[in-house]
Amino acid sequence: MKIAIIGTGNVGGALATKWAKAGHQIFLGVQDTENFKGKELLNNPNTSVQSVTEAVQKAEVILLATPAKFTIEVTQSLGDTSGKIIIDAMNIVMNQGPVGFKTTTDAILAHTQSQDVVKCFNTTGFNNMVNPLYDGSPIDMFVAGDSEKGKQIATQLALDCGFAHCYNVGGNDKFFLMEQYAWFWINLAMFQGNGREMGFKLLKR
């Protein structure tokens, strides 16, 4: 799969590494191709760097993993996204988000041509993307959005990262729930002092 990653920080970098190792072709979309965070990601032969619009043009799937307050600006910089799947891995943190929108995903939908926009990879820390195993058992991932095609792709990419399962949370109306779930993890990990090395797994009987 050809994937453009916009945002090469902790989350974008972790996913770029896992997906490149799984055999996907990764295009890092950056503003300055000579000076950007995550240059070490280019050590994988499946990863290259381009301008944002060039990366988007080459890709089938676009991952957005930038600070939430830049959501609208970043989305508008993508160029033509017709026929592309967009995966939103962002969360509004401390009210730092796109003005006038309840979630980053709603802002993306309002500023792009693609309707295949889903929210995934936002509900846990980047450390769990690097290593989803706890006592040998992988934790779970979650996805939401109206786009069935987008959810299928995100689910496969979650499995390629090593997550046990990627559960369908619902449609676009569940974007806010997904961001609240992220805050639940942040609260336990950071504010309640449990640390980042924790994750969630759905158990059934």
C-alpha atoms as a PDB file:
ATOM      1  CA  MET A   1       0.000   0.000   0.000  1.00  0.00           C
ATOM      2  CA  LYS A   2       1.181   3.549  -0.719  1.00  0.00           C
ATOM      3  CA  ILE A   3       0.830   5.730   2.373  1.00  0.00           C
ATOM      4  CA  ALA A   4       1.516   9.446   2.832  1.00  0.00           C
ATOM      5  CA  ILE A   5       2.318  10.420   6.409  1.00  0.00           C
ATOM      6  CA  ILE A   6       1.808  14.060   7.296  1.00  0.00           C
ATOM      7  CA  GLY A   7       3.380  14.642  10.701  1.00  0.00           C
ATOM      8  CA  THR A   8       6.654  12.847  11.425  1.00  0.00           C
ATOM      9  CA  GLY A   9       6.643  13.199  15.212  1.00  0.00           C
ATOM     10  CA  ASN A  10       6.088  10.401  17.714  1.00  0.00           C
ATOM     11  CA  VAL A  11       2.869   8.925  16.294  1.00  0.00           C
ATOM     12  CA  GLY A  12       3.641   9.480  12.623  1.00  0.00           C
ATOM     13  CA  GLY A  13       7.178   8.192  13.093  1.00  0.00           C
ATOM     14  CA  ALA A  14       6.066   5.056  14.926  1.00  0.00           C
ATOM     15  CA  LEU A  15       3.479   4.198  12.287  1.00  0.00           C
ATOM     16  CA  ALA A  16       5.861   4.979   9.424  1.00  0.00           C
ATOM     17  CA  THR A  17       8.379   2.542  10.912  1.00  0.00           C
ATOM     18  CA  LYS A  18       5.884  -0.272  11.492  1.00  0.00           C
ATOM     19  CA  TRP A  19       4.207   0.087   8.091  1.00  0.00           C
ATOM     20  CA  ALA A  20       7.498   0.311   6.204  1.00  0.00           C
ATOM     21  CA  LYS A  21       8.701  -2.865   7.932  1.00  0.00           C
ATOM     22  CA  ALA A  22       5.413  -4.522   6.926  1.00  0.00           C
ATOM     23  CA  GLY A  23       6.240  -3.770   3.289  1.00  0.00           C
ATOM     24  CA  HIS A  24       4.136  -0.681   2.646  1.00  0.00           C
ATOM     25  CA  GLN A  25       5.572   2.214   0.636  1.00  0.00           C
ATOM     26  CA  ILE A  26       5.816   5.294   2.854  1.00  0.00           C
ATOM     27  CA  PHE A  27       5.926   8.888   1.617  1.00  0.00           C
ATOM     28  CA  LEU A  28       6.773  11.399   4.337  1.00  0.00           C
ATOM     29  CA  GLY A  29       5.056  14.669   3.421  1.00  0.00           C
ATOM     30  CA  VAL A  30       6.969  17.611   4.912  1.00  0.00           C
ATOM     31  CA  GLN A  31       7.318  21.349   4.383  1.00  0.00           C
ATOM     32  CA  ASP A  32      11.119  21.273   4.112  1.00  0.00           C
ATOM     33  CA  THR A  33      12.554  18.080   2.653  1.00  0.00           C
ATOM     34  CA  GLU A  34      16.076  19.016   3.752  1.00  0.00           C
ATOM     35  CA  ASN A  35      15.238  19.782   7.384  1.00  0.00           C
ATOM     36  CA  PHE A  36      12.460  17.872   9.124  1.00  0.00           C
ATOM     37  CA  LYS A  37      11.839  15.853  12.257  1.00  0.00           C
ATOM     38  CA  GLY A  38      12.284  12.126  11.767  1.00  0.00           C
ATOM     39  CA  LYS A  39      15.099  11.961   9.217  1.00  0.00           C
ATOM     40  CA  GLU A  40      16.068   8.597  10.703  1.00  0.00           C
ATOM     41  CA  LEU A  41      12.845   7.175   9.203  1.00  0.00           C
ATOM     42  CA  LEU A  42      14.566   7.289   5.811  1.00  0.00           C
ATOM     43  CA  ASN A  43      16.866   4.468   6.929  1.00  0.00           C
ATOM     44  CA  ASN A  44      14.148   2.071   5.766  1.00  0.00           C
ATOM     45  CA  PRO A  45      14.309   1.492   1.971  1.00  0.00           C
ATOM     46  CA  ASN A  46      10.492   1.597   1.787  1.00  0.00           C
ATOM     47  CA  THR A  47      10.431   5.216   3.036  1.00  0.00           C
ATOM     48  CA  SER A  48      11.072   8.424   1.110  1.00  0.00           C
ATOM     49  CA  VAL A  49      10.438  12.126   1.653  1.00  0.00           C
ATOM     50  CA  GLN A  50       8.536  14.582  -0.550  1.00  0.00           C
ATOM     51  CA  SER A  51       6.646  17.830  -0.276  1.00  0.00           C
ATOM     52  CA  VAL A  52       3.193  17.432   1.250  1.00  0.00           C
ATOM     53  CA  THR A  53       1.346  17.697  -2.064  1.00  0.00           C
ATOM     54  CA  GLU A  54       3.753  15.302  -3.803  1.00  0.00           C
ATOM     55  CA  ALA A  55       3.361  12.719  -1.042  1.00  0.00           C
ATOM     56  CA  VAL A  56      -0.428  12.987  -1.253  1.00  0.00           C
ATOM     57  CA  GLN A  57      -0.430  12.650  -5.049  1.00  0.00           C
ATOM     58  CA  LYS A  58       1.586   9.424  -4.850  1.00  0.00           C
ATOM     59  CA  ALA A  59      -0.416   7.837  -2.039  1.00  0.00           C
ATOM     60  CA  GLU A  60      -3.614   5.846  -1.738  1.00  0.00           C
ATOM     61  CA  VAL A  61      -3.877   6.502   2.001  1.00  0.00           C
ATOM     62  CA  ILE A  62      -3.047   9.659   3.980  1.00  0.00           C
ATOM     63  CA  LEU A  63      -2.291   9.622   7.709  1.00  0.00           C
ATOM     64  CA  LEU A  64      -2.626  12.950   9.515  1.00  0.00           C
ATOM     65  CA  ALA A  65      -0.654  13.080  12.773  1.00  0.00           C
ATOM     66  CA  THR A  66       0.114  16.768  13.335  1.00  0.00           C
ATOM     67  CA  PRO A  67      -0.842  18.968  16.310  1.00  0.00           C
ATOM     68  CA  ALA A  68      -4.623  19.336  16.326  1.00  0.00           C
ATOM     69  CA  LYS A  69      -4.588  23.138  16.281  1.00  0.00           C
ATOM     70  CA  PHE A  70      -3.125  23.008  12.755  1.00  0.00           C
ATOM     71  CA  THR A  71      -5.789  20.607  11.411  1.00  0.00           C
ATOM     72  CA  ILE A  72      -7.438  23.021   8.979  1.00  0.00           C
ATOM     73  CA  GLU A  73      -4.171  24.477   7.722  1.00  0.00           C
ATOM     74  CA  VAL A  74      -2.657  21.033   7.198  1.00  0.00           C
ATOM     75  CA  THR A  75      -5.765  19.643   5.499  1.00  0.00           C
ATOM     76  CA  GLN A  76      -5.864  22.571   3.085  1.00  0.00           C
ATOM     77  CA  SER A  77      -2.194  21.976   2.231  1.00  0.00           C
ATOM     78  CA  LEU A  78      -2.846  18.420   1.015  1.00  0.00           C
ATOM     79  CA  GLY A  79      -4.048  19.425  -2.437  1.00  0.00           C
ATOM     80  CA  ASP A  80      -6.537  17.249  -4.271  1.00  0.00           C
ATOM     81  CA  THR A  81      -7.541  14.306  -2.067  1.00  0.00           C
ATOM     82  CA  SER A  82     -10.241  12.927  -4.369  1.00  0.00           C
ATOM     83  CA  GLY A  83     -10.281   9.142  -4.162  1.00  0.00           C
ATOM     84  CA  LYS A  84      -7.873   9.078  -1.216  1.00  0.00           C
ATOM     85  CA  ILE A  85      -8.475   7.539   2.203  1.00  0.00           C
ATOM     86  CA  ILE A  86      -7.601   9.857   5.091  1.00  0.00           C
ATOM     87  CA  ILE A  87      -6.863   8.453   8.550  1.00  0.00           C
ATOM     88  CA  ASP A  88      -7.002  10.975  11.394  1.00  0.00           C
ATOM     89  CA  ALA A  89      -4.746  10.087  14.344  1.00  0.00           C
ATOM     90  CA  MET A  90      -5.153  13.451  16.111  1.00  0.00           C
ATOM     91  CA  ASN A  91      -6.956  14.649  19.239  1.00  0.00           C
ATOM     92  CA  ILE A  92      -7.929  18.076  20.542  1.00  0.00           C
ATOM     93  CA  VAL A  93      -5.764  18.521  23.648  1.00  0.00           C
ATOM     94  CA  MET A  94      -6.315  21.253  26.250  1.00  0.00           C
ATOM     95  CA  ASN A  95      -8.783  22.976  23.904  1.00  0.00           C
ATOM     96  CA  GLN A  96      -6.017  23.319  21.293  1.00  0.00           C
ATOM     97  CA  GLY A  97      -7.914  22.308  18.176  1.00  0.00           C
ATOM     98  CA  PRO A  98      -9.480  23.607  14.966  1.00  0.00           C
ATOM     99  CA  VAL A  99     -11.686  26.600  15.712  1.00  0.00           C
ATOM    100  CA  GLY A 100     -15.389  25.882  15.314  1.00  0.00           C
ATOM    101  CA  PHE A 101     -15.102  22.092  15.339  1.00  0.00           C
ATOM    102  CA  LYS A 102     -15.743  19.519  18.048  1.00  0.00           C
ATOM    103  CA  THR A 103     -13.200  17.054  16.652  1.00  0.00           C
ATOM    104  CA  THR A 104     -10.254  17.134  14.280  1.00  0.00           C
ATOM    105  CA  THR A 105     -11.961  14.627  11.989  1.00  0.00           C
ATOM    106  CA  ASP A 106     -14.985  16.866  11.468  1.00  0.00           C
ATOM    107  CA  ALA A 107     -12.619  19.686  10.504  1.00  0.00           C
ATOM    108  CA  ILE A 108     -10.847  17.432   8.001  1.00  0.00           C
ATOM    109  CA  LEU A 109     -14.130  16.447   6.354  1.00  0.00           C
ATOM    110  CA  ALA A 110     -15.109  20.094   6.028  1.00  0.00           C
ATOM    111  CA  HIS A 111     -11.860  21.023   4.255  1.00  0.00           C
ATOM    112  CA  THR A 112     -11.116  18.130   1.900  1.00  0.00           C
ATOM    113  CA  GLN A 113     -12.637  16.545  -1.195  1.00  0.00           C
ATOM    114  CA  SER A 114     -12.486  13.014   0.179  1.00  0.00           C
ATOM    115  CA  GLN A 115     -15.374  11.574   2.150  1.00  0.00           C
ATOM    116  CA  ASP A 116     -13.348   8.465   3.009  1.00  0.00           C
ATOM    117  CA  VAL A 117     -12.134   9.935   6.301  1.00  0.00           C
ATOM    118  CA  VAL A 118     -11.845   7.790   9.442  1.00  0.00           C
ATOM    119  CA  LYS A 119     -10.435   8.216  12.931  1.00  0.00           C
ATOM    120  CA  CYS A 120      -7.908   5.637  14.124  1.00  0.00           C
ATOM    121  CA  PHE A 121      -4.558   5.391  15.951  1.00  0.00           C
ATOM    122  CA  ASN A 122      -5.612   8.215  18.300  1.00  0.00           C
ATOM    123  CA  THR A 123      -6.643   6.237  21.373  1.00  0.00           C
ATOM    124  CA  THR A 124      -3.287   5.205  22.788  1.00  0.00           C
ATOM    125  CA  GLY A 125       0.296   6.393  23.105  1.00  0.00           C
ATOM    126  CA  PHE A 126       2.914   6.128  20.376  1.00  0.00           C
ATOM    127  CA  ASN A 127       4.843   3.705  22.594  1.00  0.00           C
ATOM    128  CA  ASN A 128       2.020   1.200  22.132  1.00  0.00           C
ATOM    129  CA  MET A 129       2.350   1.581  18.366  1.00  0.00           C
ATOM    130  CA  VAL A 130       6.061   0.817  18.633  1.00  0.00           C
ATOM    131  CA  ASN A 131       5.288  -2.220  20.793  1.00  0.00           C
ATOM    132  CA  PRO A 132       1.652  -3.293  21.364  1.00  0.00           C
ATOM    133  CA  LEU A 133       2.598  -6.414  23.351  1.00  0.00           C
ATOM    134  CA  TYR A 134       1.845  -6.836  27.080  1.00  0.00           C
ATOM    135  CA  ASP A 135       3.034 -10.123  28.552  1.00  0.00           C
ATOM    136  CA  GLY A 136       3.092 -11.493  25.029  1.00  0.00           C
ATOM    137  CA  SER A 137      -0.474 -10.443  24.241  1.00  0.00           C
ATOM    138  CA  PRO A 138      -1.185  -7.527  21.859  1.00  0.00           C
ATOM    139  CA  ILE A 139      -3.620  -4.788  22.850  1.00  0.00           C
ATOM    140  CA  ASP A 140      -6.476  -3.568  20.621  1.00  0.00           C
ATOM    141  CA  MET A 141      -7.052  -0.597  18.337  1.00  0.00           C
ATOM    142  CA  PHE A 142     -10.298   1.172  17.433  1.00  0.00           C
ATOM    143  CA  VAL A 143     -11.682   2.946  14.357  1.00  0.00           C
ATOM    144  CA  ALA A 144     -14.700   5.124  13.571  1.00  0.00           C
ATOM    145  CA  GLY A 145     -16.192   6.689  10.456  1.00  0.00           C
ATOM    146  CA  ASP A 146     -18.939   6.394   7.853  1.00  0.00           C
ATOM    147  CA  SER A 147     -16.473   5.167   5.219  1.00  0.00           C
ATOM    148  CA  GLU A 148     -16.502   1.373   5.169  1.00  0.00           C
ATOM    149  CA  LYS A 149     -13.585   1.401   2.753  1.00  0.00           C
ATOM    150  CA  GLY A 150     -11.619   3.656   5.073  1.00  0.00           C
ATOM    151  CA  LYS A 151     -12.358   1.465   8.091  1.00  0.00           C
ATOM    152  CA  GLN A 152     -11.291  -1.677   6.245  1.00  0.00           C
ATOM    153  CA  ILE A 153      -7.953  -0.099   5.302  1.00  0.00           C
ATOM    154  CA  ALA A 154      -7.359   1.307   8.807  1.00  0.00           C
ATOM    155  CA  THR A 155      -8.173  -2.082  10.311  1.00  0.00           C
ATOM    156  CA  GLN A 156      -5.638  -3.827   8.090  1.00  0.00           C
ATOM    157  CA  LEU A 157      -3.004  -1.213   8.917  1.00  0.00           C
ATOM    158  CA  ALA A 158      -3.681  -1.708  12.637  1.00  0.00           C
ATOM    159  CA  LEU A 159      -3.119  -5.449  12.245  1.00  0.00           C
ATOM    160  CA  ASP A 160       0.064  -4.716  10.297  1.00  0.00           C
ATOM    161  CA  CYS A 161       1.282  -2.769  13.354  1.00  0.00           C
ATOM    162  CA  GLY A 162       0.762  -5.827  15.527  1.00  0.00           C
ATOM    163  CA  PHE A 163      -2.472  -4.884  17.300  1.00  0.00           C
ATOM    164  CA  ALA A 164      -4.663  -7.872  18.145  1.00  0.00           C
ATOM    165  CA  HIS A 165      -7.850  -6.451  16.665  1.00  0.00           C
ATOM    166  CA  CYS A 166      -9.244  -3.143  15.413  1.00  0.00           C
ATOM    167  CA  TYR A 167     -12.804  -2.692  16.629  1.00  0.00           C
ATOM    168  CA  ASN A 168     -15.398  -0.729  14.662  1.00  0.00           C
ATOM    169  CA  VAL A 169     -16.760   1.928  17.056  1.00  0.00           C
ATOM    170  CA  GLY A 170     -19.343   3.308  14.599  1.00  0.00           C
ATOM    171  CA  GLY A 171     -19.777   6.122  12.097  1.00  0.00           C
ATOM    172  CA  ASN A 172     -18.853   9.784  11.923  1.00  0.00           C
ATOM    173  CA  ASP A 173     -21.047  10.461  14.947  1.00  0.00           C
ATOM    174  CA  LYS A 174     -18.513   8.525  17.058  1.00  0.00           C
ATOM    175  CA  PHE A 175     -15.524  10.813  16.318  1.00  0.00           C
ATOM    176  CA  PHE A 176     -16.042  12.679  19.593  1.00  0.00           C
ATOM    177  CA  LEU A 177     -16.316   9.406  21.510  1.00  0.00           C
ATOM    178  CA  MET A 178     -12.972   8.346  20.055  1.00  0.00           C
ATOM    179  CA  GLU A 179     -11.341  11.574  21.240  1.00  0.00           C
ATOM    180  CA  GLN A 180     -12.873  11.122  24.686  1.00  0.00           C
ATOM    181  CA  TYR A 181     -11.488   7.584  24.768  1.00  0.00           C
ATOM    182  CA  ALA A 182      -8.065   9.044  24.034  1.00  0.00           C
ATOM    183  CA  TRP A 183      -8.502  11.401  26.968  1.00  0.00           C
ATOM    184  CA  PHE A 184      -9.402   8.418  29.156  1.00  0.00           C
ATOM    185  CA  TRP A 185      -6.015   6.852  28.313  1.00  0.00           C
ATOM    186  CA  ILE A 186      -4.210  10.185  28.802  1.00  0.00           C
ATOM    187  CA  ASN A 187      -5.909  10.712  32.163  1.00  0.00           C
ATOM    188  CA  LEU A 188      -4.921   7.284  33.478  1.00  0.00           C
ATOM    189  CA  ALA A 189      -1.425   7.349  31.997  1.00  0.00           C
ATOM    190  CA  MET A 190      -0.428  10.921  32.779  1.00  0.00           C
ATOM    191  CA  PHE A 191      -2.688  12.597  35.324  1.00  0.00           C
ATOM    192  CA  GLN A 192      -3.306   9.515  37.484  1.00  0.00           C
ATOM    193  CA  GLY A 193       0.342   8.505  37.413  1.00  0.00           C
ATOM    194  CA  ASN A 194       0.072   5.076  35.801  1.00  0.00           C
ATOM    195  CA  GLY A 195       2.644   5.913  33.131  1.00  0.00           C
ATOM    196  CA  ARG A 196       2.605   5.438  29.372  1.00  0.00           C
ATOM    197  CA  GLU A 197       3.239   1.689  29.471  1.00  0.00           C
ATOM    198  CA  MET A 198      -0.442   0.750  29.631  1.00  0.00           C
ATOM    199  CA  GLY A 199      -3.046  -0.137  27.048  1.00  0.00           C
ATOM    200  CA  PHE A 200      -6.553  -1.445  26.519  1.00  0.00           C
ATOM    201  CA  LYS A 201      -7.822  -4.829  25.347  1.00  0.00           C
ATOM    202  CA  LEU A 202     -11.411  -5.921  24.862  1.00  0.00           C
ATOM    203  CA  LEU A 203     -12.168  -9.261  26.509  1.00  0.00           C
ATOM    204  CA  LYS A 204     -15.231 -11.347  25.616  1.00  0.00           C
ATOM    205  CA  ARG A 205     -16.996 -14.380  27.045  1.00  0.00           C
END
